[in-house]
């Protein structure tokens, strides 16, 4: 399937289910974005010569990771259920998603370390950090399906990382193009967030939640690419 067809089907899915998606994800996004903004303000107000990172900040980071894992689990489970033609019960999806939070959290930590490792290692060699950045972006594309492997395939974190890397080989370029949607979304979001920040925190929170919700379209497009590229059951057998 062409990339334009992937985007078209993802757009139609997002548009047709936007009210259900909002009911499921917006409350979680308010918590996630609220924590992010608080951490950002804490970092902006920190003493650069003697920064303090206390237990409250550590708890906020852990809470952020847990909330993000719940968001991804809920969204992926929603897409899986709807792709099978079943109706979705928001409360039941949230309840079921809780069981996926621990493996998603572990998979996210391991994936993040694998993605950051090249750029951090090459940074020690001056200009070669650009080579590390390219490698990190490539690994990011290859591990973009880890969440689907955990939730849809029911794999363990390490199995999901291996499964995503093997699965994404033939569609690595298409995956990278889908992920590049984050660039214009981030640029537009940055401008809107800066404008809202001058008005006040409540508006900034609402604007950033809206931007984050629109950004979920990238996950929908990735899931569609995953579904059309996924081996059929009979092929796996």
Foldseek 3Di string as FASTA:
>chain_A
DDLVVLLVVLVVVCVVCVVVLCVQQLVLLLLLLVLVVVLVVLVVPADPVDGDQDPVNVVSVVVNLLSVQLNLLLVLVVLVCVVVVHDDDRVVSSVVSNVLSVQSSVLVVVLVCVLVVQLVVLVVVPPSSVVSNVVSLLSCLQLVCLSVCCNVVVDGSVVSSVVSNVLCVVVSVSSSVLVCVVVVLVVVLVVCLVVQVVVHDVSSSVSNSVSVSVVCSSVSSVVSVCVVSPDDPVVVD
